[in-house]
Amino acid sequence: MTVKSTAIYRTFSNDSTINKKLVYLTPDHPRYGDRTDFYINLGWSEENCQKITITFPKAGEYSLNSLEIYKHSLDNYENEVEKRKENILENVEIGTNQITGNISLNEKKLLCLTIPYSTGWTAFVDEEETELLRANTMFMALPLSAGNHQITMVYQTPGLNGGIGLTFIGLIMLVYLFALQKRKSKIQ
């Protein structure tokens, strides 16, 4: 079986239930990503959770290296939200294949950009090319030092220049073959 689907249920004292589904792709699946660790958010409620149930799609033998359950307190939620509003990219301008903005930092940090990671992106910090890192599996991040920074992100479709070159060569060959055919038909 290439896809295993696991249902996870969280039940509260008032019998309300939150259902989540985890789809695990096995190594023989074409979209398998070598991912073995999963975090599933079972939601928030003022009530205490009474039971967590995990069901599997088929009877069988399953194994886990570990299973951990975390409960996060929301007592300091507003302060945490305010912290996340600090050190953000400001004056953001989005153009054709380019994003620019400014950021001011008191200490060395990573700027996480919720733009899908792609080799087509090139990053410049204060006009110097900077390595883009993969963040949170699918996004991009820039390592930044303390201070004020001008960020520029430029996108170029990977292989675009090569494709244009091959198209140009193909057109030249087409014109040449057309001229050659026309010349042969005049001779006959």
C-alpha atoms as a PDB file:
ATOM      1  CA  MET A   1       0.000   0.000   0.000  1.00  0.00           C
ATOM      2  CA  THR A   2       1.508   3.365  -0.974  1.00  0.00           C
ATOM      3  CA  VAL A   3      -0.605   5.774   1.071  1.00  0.00           C
ATOM      4  CA  LYS A   4      -1.545   5.296   4.693  1.00  0.00           C
ATOM      5  CA  SER A   5      -4.216   7.525   6.125  1.00  0.00           C
ATOM      6  CA  THR A   6      -4.613   7.917   9.859  1.00  0.00           C
ATOM      7  CA  ALA A   7      -7.581   9.595  11.503  1.00  0.00           C
ATOM      8  CA  ILE A   8      -7.058  11.403  14.800  1.00  0.00           C
ATOM      9  CA  TYR A   9      -9.974  12.481  16.974  1.00  0.00           C
ATOM     10  CA  ARG A  10     -10.009  14.767  20.000  1.00  0.00           C
ATOM     11  CA  THR A  11     -13.110  14.488  22.184  1.00  0.00           C
ATOM     12  CA  PHE A  12     -14.227  16.992  24.822  1.00  0.00           C
ATOM     13  CA  SER A  13     -16.363  16.537  27.920  1.00  0.00           C
ATOM     14  CA  ASN A  14     -19.445  17.822  26.062  1.00  0.00           C
ATOM     15  CA  ASP A  15     -18.946  15.040  23.446  1.00  0.00           C
ATOM     16  CA  SER A  16     -17.919  17.490  20.733  1.00  0.00           C
ATOM     17  CA  THR A  17     -15.115  16.120  18.580  1.00  0.00           C
ATOM     18  CA  ILE A  18     -12.387  17.586  16.392  1.00  0.00           C
ATOM     19  CA  ASN A  19     -11.335  15.267  13.553  1.00  0.00           C
ATOM     20  CA  LYS A  20      -7.951  15.480  11.823  1.00  0.00           C
ATOM     21  CA  LYS A  21      -6.484  13.280   9.132  1.00  0.00           C
ATOM     22  CA  LEU A  22      -2.815  12.478   8.613  1.00  0.00           C
ATOM     23  CA  VAL A  23      -1.800  11.143   5.204  1.00  0.00           C
ATOM     24  CA  TYR A  24       1.530   9.377   5.367  1.00  0.00           C
ATOM     25  CA  LEU A  25       3.175   8.590   2.039  1.00  0.00           C
ATOM     26  CA  THR A  26       5.319   5.459   2.132  1.00  0.00           C
ATOM     27  CA  PRO A  27       8.763   5.281   0.452  1.00  0.00           C
ATOM     28  CA  ASP A  28       7.353   3.577  -2.670  1.00  0.00           C
ATOM     29  CA  HIS A  29       4.948   6.485  -3.324  1.00  0.00           C
ATOM     30  CA  PRO A  30       6.088   8.937  -6.092  1.00  0.00           C
ATOM     31  CA  ARG A  31       5.506  11.971  -3.847  1.00  0.00           C
ATOM     32  CA  TYR A  32       7.255  10.480  -0.818  1.00  0.00           C
ATOM     33  CA  GLY A  33       9.327  13.196   0.833  1.00  0.00           C
ATOM     34  CA  ASP A  34      11.332  11.227   3.400  1.00  0.00           C
ATOM     35  CA  ARG A  35       9.278  12.837   6.161  1.00  0.00           C
ATOM     36  CA  THR A  36       8.957  10.874   9.371  1.00  0.00           C
ATOM     37  CA  ASP A  37       7.989  13.474  11.983  1.00  0.00           C
ATOM     38  CA  PHE A  38       4.539  15.045  12.077  1.00  0.00           C
ATOM     39  CA  TYR A  39       2.882  17.692  14.225  1.00  0.00           C
ATOM     40  CA  ILE A  40      -0.912  17.742  14.234  1.00  0.00           C
ATOM     41  CA  ASN A  41      -2.766  20.691  15.720  1.00  0.00           C
ATOM     42  CA  LEU A  42      -5.902  19.379  17.398  1.00  0.00           C
ATOM     43  CA  GLY A  43      -7.304  22.833  17.964  1.00  0.00           C
ATOM     44  CA  TRP A  44      -8.115  24.999  20.943  1.00  0.00           C
ATOM     45  CA  SER A  45     -10.937  24.830  23.427  1.00  0.00           C
ATOM     46  CA  GLU A  46     -11.755  26.250  26.841  1.00  0.00           C
ATOM     47  CA  GLU A  47     -12.718  22.721  27.897  1.00  0.00           C
ATOM     48  CA  ASN A  48     -10.199  20.076  28.827  1.00  0.00           C
ATOM     49  CA  CYS A  49      -9.632  17.334  26.315  1.00  0.00           C
ATOM     50  CA  GLN A  50     -11.024  14.059  27.640  1.00  0.00           C
ATOM     51  CA  LYS A  51      -9.719  11.631  25.021  1.00  0.00           C
ATOM     52  CA  ILE A  52      -7.531  11.425  21.922  1.00  0.00           C
ATOM     53  CA  THR A  53      -8.249   8.525  19.573  1.00  0.00           C
ATOM     54  CA  ILE A  54      -6.020   7.374  16.705  1.00  0.00           C
ATOM     55  CA  THR A  55      -7.521   5.047  14.099  1.00  0.00           C
ATOM     56  CA  PHE A  56      -5.779   3.366  11.175  1.00  0.00           C
ATOM     57  CA  PRO A  57      -7.335   2.599   7.782  1.00  0.00           C
ATOM     58  CA  LYS A  58      -6.758  -1.147   7.894  1.00  0.00           C
ATOM     59  CA  ALA A  59      -6.165  -3.794  10.498  1.00  0.00           C
ATOM     60  CA  GLY A  60      -2.480  -4.503  10.731  1.00  0.00           C
ATOM     61  CA  GLU A  61       0.696  -4.090  12.688  1.00  0.00           C
ATOM     62  CA  TYR A  62       1.886  -0.494  13.085  1.00  0.00           C
ATOM     63  CA  SER A  63       4.903   0.815  14.923  1.00  0.00           C
ATOM     64  CA  LEU A  64       5.884   4.208  16.298  1.00  0.00           C
ATOM     65  CA  ASN A  65       9.271   5.312  17.564  1.00  0.00           C
ATOM     66  CA  SER A  66       7.626   7.847  19.839  1.00  0.00           C
ATOM     67  CA  LEU A  67       4.368   9.647  20.389  1.00  0.00           C
ATOM     68  CA  GLU A  68       4.298  12.941  22.234  1.00  0.00           C
ATOM     69  CA  ILE A  69       1.342  15.119  23.162  1.00  0.00           C
ATOM     70  CA  TYR A  70       1.882  18.807  23.821  1.00  0.00           C
ATOM     71  CA  LYS A  71      -0.508  21.215  25.445  1.00  0.00           C
ATOM     72  CA  HIS A  72       0.241  24.869  24.840  1.00  0.00           C
ATOM     73  CA  SER A  73      -1.008  27.476  27.257  1.00  0.00           C
ATOM     74  CA  LEU A  74      -2.621  30.565  25.781  1.00  0.00           C
ATOM     75  CA  ASP A  75      -2.113  32.639  28.945  1.00  0.00           C
ATOM     76  CA  ASN A  76       0.506  34.820  27.247  1.00  0.00           C
ATOM     77  CA  TYR A  77      -1.067  34.707  23.776  1.00  0.00           C
ATOM     78  CA  GLU A  78      -1.485  38.474  23.263  1.00  0.00           C
ATOM     79  CA  ASN A  79       2.154  39.167  24.188  1.00  0.00           C
ATOM     80  CA  GLU A  80       3.360  36.425  21.843  1.00  0.00           C
ATOM     81  CA  VAL A  81       1.305  37.909  18.996  1.00  0.00           C
ATOM     82  CA  GLU A  82       2.852  41.338  19.660  1.00  0.00           C
ATOM     83  CA  LYS A  83       6.349  39.783  19.598  1.00  0.00           C
ATOM     84  CA  ARG A  84       5.601  38.316  16.156  1.00  0.00           C
ATOM     85  CA  LYS A  85       4.746  41.806  14.916  1.00  0.00           C
ATOM     86  CA  GLU A  86       8.274  42.996  15.721  1.00  0.00           C
ATOM     87  CA  ASN A  87      11.052  42.797  13.149  1.00  0.00           C
ATOM     88  CA  ILE A  88       8.893  42.488  10.070  1.00  0.00           C
ATOM     89  CA  LEU A  89       9.679  43.409   6.498  1.00  0.00           C
ATOM     90  CA  GLU A  90       8.256  46.904   5.918  1.00  0.00           C
ATOM     91  CA  ASN A  91       7.651  49.095   2.855  1.00  0.00           C
ATOM     92  CA  VAL A  92       7.143  45.929   0.820  1.00  0.00           C
ATOM     93  CA  GLU A  93       6.834  46.466  -2.922  1.00  0.00           C
ATOM     94  CA  ILE A  94       5.893  43.608  -5.216  1.00  0.00           C
ATOM     95  CA  GLY A  95       6.737  43.995  -8.883  1.00  0.00           C
ATOM     96  CA  THR A  96       7.134  41.682 -11.833  1.00  0.00           C
ATOM     97  CA  ASN A  97       9.522  38.972 -10.608  1.00  0.00           C
ATOM     98  CA  GLN A  98      10.805  41.184  -7.781  1.00  0.00           C
ATOM     99  CA  ILE A  99      10.010  41.899  -4.127  1.00  0.00           C
ATOM    100  CA  THR A 100      11.685  44.632  -2.084  1.00  0.00           C
ATOM    101  CA  GLY A 101      11.407  45.828   1.486  1.00  0.00           C
ATOM    102  CA  ASN A 102      13.238  47.165   4.536  1.00  0.00           C
ATOM    103  CA  ILE A 103      13.846  45.650   7.940  1.00  0.00           C
ATOM    104  CA  SER A 104      15.489  46.909  11.125  1.00  0.00           C
ATOM    105  CA  LEU A 105      16.870  44.399  13.651  1.00  0.00           C
ATOM    106  CA  ASN A 106      18.354  44.803  17.133  1.00  0.00           C
ATOM    107  CA  GLU A 107      20.112  41.428  16.911  1.00  0.00           C
ATOM    108  CA  LYS A 108      21.092  38.728  14.416  1.00  0.00           C
ATOM    109  CA  LYS A 109      17.971  36.881  13.155  1.00  0.00           C
ATOM    110  CA  LEU A 110      16.485  34.877  10.315  1.00  0.00           C
ATOM    111  CA  LEU A 111      13.842  36.570   8.182  1.00  0.00           C
ATOM    112  CA  CYS A 112      11.318  33.881   7.236  1.00  0.00           C
ATOM    113  CA  LEU A 113       9.569  34.632   3.960  1.00  0.00           C
ATOM    114  CA  THR A 114       6.331  32.765   3.368  1.00  0.00           C
ATOM    115  CA  ILE A 115       7.183  32.405  -0.293  1.00  0.00           C
ATOM    116  CA  PRO A 116       7.618  28.826  -1.506  1.00  0.00           C
ATOM    117  CA  TYR A 117      11.292  27.885  -1.790  1.00  0.00           C
ATOM    118  CA  SER A 118      12.524  27.749  -5.386  1.00  0.00           C
ATOM    119  CA  THR A 119      15.939  27.790  -6.984  1.00  0.00           C
ATOM    120  CA  GLY A 120      14.720  30.613  -9.237  1.00  0.00           C
ATOM    121  CA  TRP A 121      14.916  33.178  -6.406  1.00  0.00           C
ATOM    122  CA  THR A 122      18.036  35.253  -5.766  1.00  0.00           C
ATOM    123  CA  ALA A 123      18.244  37.370  -2.607  1.00  0.00           C
ATOM    124  CA  PHE A 124      20.159  40.593  -2.079  1.00  0.00           C
ATOM    125  CA  VAL A 125      20.696  42.144   1.336  1.00  0.00           C
ATOM    126  CA  ASP A 126      21.985  45.716   1.086  1.00  0.00           C
ATOM    127  CA  GLU A 127      22.728  45.030  -2.619  1.00  0.00           C
ATOM    128  CA  GLU A 128      24.954  42.010  -1.830  1.00  0.00           C
ATOM    129  CA  GLU A 129      23.814  38.572  -2.995  1.00  0.00           C
ATOM    130  CA  THR A 130      22.938  36.461   0.052  1.00  0.00           C
ATOM    131  CA  GLU A 131      22.293  32.737   0.392  1.00  0.00           C
ATOM    132  CA  LEU A 132      18.629  31.804   0.637  1.00  0.00           C
ATOM    133  CA  LEU A 133      17.873  29.063   3.146  1.00  0.00           C
ATOM    134  CA  ARG A 134      14.989  26.604   3.167  1.00  0.00           C
ATOM    135  CA  ALA A 135      12.734  27.271   6.180  1.00  0.00           C
ATOM    136  CA  ASN A 136       9.850  25.316   7.673  1.00  0.00           C
ATOM    137  CA  THR A 137      10.153  22.688   4.927  1.00  0.00           C
ATOM    138  CA  MET A 138       8.756  24.800   2.092  1.00  0.00           C
ATOM    139  CA  PHE A 139       9.544  28.489   2.633  1.00  0.00           C
ATOM    140  CA  MET A 140      12.613  30.707   2.298  1.00  0.00           C
ATOM    141  CA  ALA A 141      14.670  32.449   4.971  1.00  0.00           C
ATOM    142  CA  LEU A 142      17.451  35.033   4.948  1.00  0.00           C
ATOM    143  CA  PRO A 143      20.129  35.236   7.631  1.00  0.00           C
ATOM    144  CA  LEU A 144      20.428  38.868   8.745  1.00  0.00           C
ATOM    145  CA  SER A 145      22.749  40.716  11.088  1.00  0.00           C
ATOM    146  CA  ALA A 146      21.655  43.463  13.472  1.00  0.00           C
ATOM    147  CA  GLY A 147      20.968  46.814  11.810  1.00  0.00           C
ATOM    148  CA  ASN A 148      18.904  48.294   8.989  1.00  0.00           C
ATOM    149  CA  HIS A 149      18.708  46.301   5.777  1.00  0.00           C
ATOM    150  CA  GLN A 150      17.337  46.729   2.260  1.00  0.00           C
ATOM    151  CA  ILE A 151      16.029  43.362   1.011  1.00  0.00           C
ATOM    152  CA  THR A 152      15.591  42.608  -2.686  1.00  0.00           C
ATOM    153  CA  MET A 153      14.310  39.285  -3.996  1.00  0.00           C
ATOM    154  CA  VAL A 154      14.529  38.643  -7.744  1.00  0.00           C
ATOM    155  CA  TYR A 155      12.910  35.692  -9.506  1.00  0.00           C
ATOM    156  CA  GLN A 156      13.988  34.199 -12.796  1.00  0.00           C
ATOM    157  CA  THR A 157      12.387  31.019 -14.062  1.00  0.00           C
ATOM    158  CA  PRO A 158      15.018  28.268 -13.897  1.00  0.00           C
ATOM    159  CA  GLY A 159      16.132  27.302 -17.415  1.00  0.00           C
ATOM    160  CA  LEU A 160      14.458  30.299 -19.056  1.00  0.00           C
ATOM    161  CA  ASN A 161      17.621  31.642 -20.746  1.00  0.00           C
ATOM    162  CA  GLY A 162      18.568  28.173 -21.988  1.00  0.00           C
ATOM    163  CA  GLY A 163      15.050  27.697 -23.341  1.00  0.00           C
ATOM    164  CA  ILE A 164      15.155  31.026 -25.163  1.00  0.00           C
ATOM    165  CA  GLY A 165      18.565  30.107 -26.638  1.00  0.00           C
ATOM    166  CA  LEU A 166      17.322  26.720 -27.850  1.00  0.00           C
ATOM    167  CA  THR A 167      14.212  28.324 -29.345  1.00  0.00           C
ATOM    168  CA  PHE A 168      16.392  30.850 -31.206  1.00  0.00           C
ATOM    169  CA  ILE A 169      18.650  28.057 -32.557  1.00  0.00           C
ATOM    170  CA  GLY A 170      15.550  26.098 -33.622  1.00  0.00           C
ATOM    171  CA  LEU A 171      14.175  29.124 -35.474  1.00  0.00           C
ATOM    172  CA  ILE A 172      17.496  29.644 -37.291  1.00  0.00           C
ATOM    173  CA  MET A 173      17.517  25.966 -38.281  1.00  0.00           C
ATOM    174  CA  LEU A 174      13.907  26.223 -39.466  1.00  0.00           C
ATOM    175  CA  VAL A 175      14.695  29.267 -41.635  1.00  0.00           C
ATOM    176  CA  TYR A 176      17.794  27.482 -43.007  1.00  0.00           C
ATOM    177  CA  LEU A 177      15.828  24.309 -43.849  1.00  0.00           C
ATOM    178  CA  PHE A 178      13.052  26.382 -45.431  1.00  0.00           C
ATOM    179  CA  ALA A 179      15.611  28.266 -47.592  1.00  0.00           C
ATOM    180  CA  LEU A 180      17.331  24.976 -48.511  1.00  0.00           C
ATOM    181  CA  GLN A 181      13.994  23.433 -49.561  1.00  0.00           C
ATOM    182  CA  LYS A 182      13.111  26.509 -51.611  1.00  0.00           C
ATOM    183  CA  ARG A 183      16.517  26.394 -53.332  1.00  0.00           C
ATOM    184  CA  LYS A 184      16.067  22.660 -54.179  1.00  0.00           C
ATOM    185  CA  SER A 185      12.627  23.299 -55.657  1.00  0.00           C
ATOM    186  CA  LYS A 186      14.046  26.109 -57.936  1.00  0.00           C
ATOM    187  CA  ILE A 187      16.782  23.775 -59.240  1.00  0.00           C
ATOM    188  CA  GLN A 188      14.277  21.070 -60.231  1.00  0.00           C
END
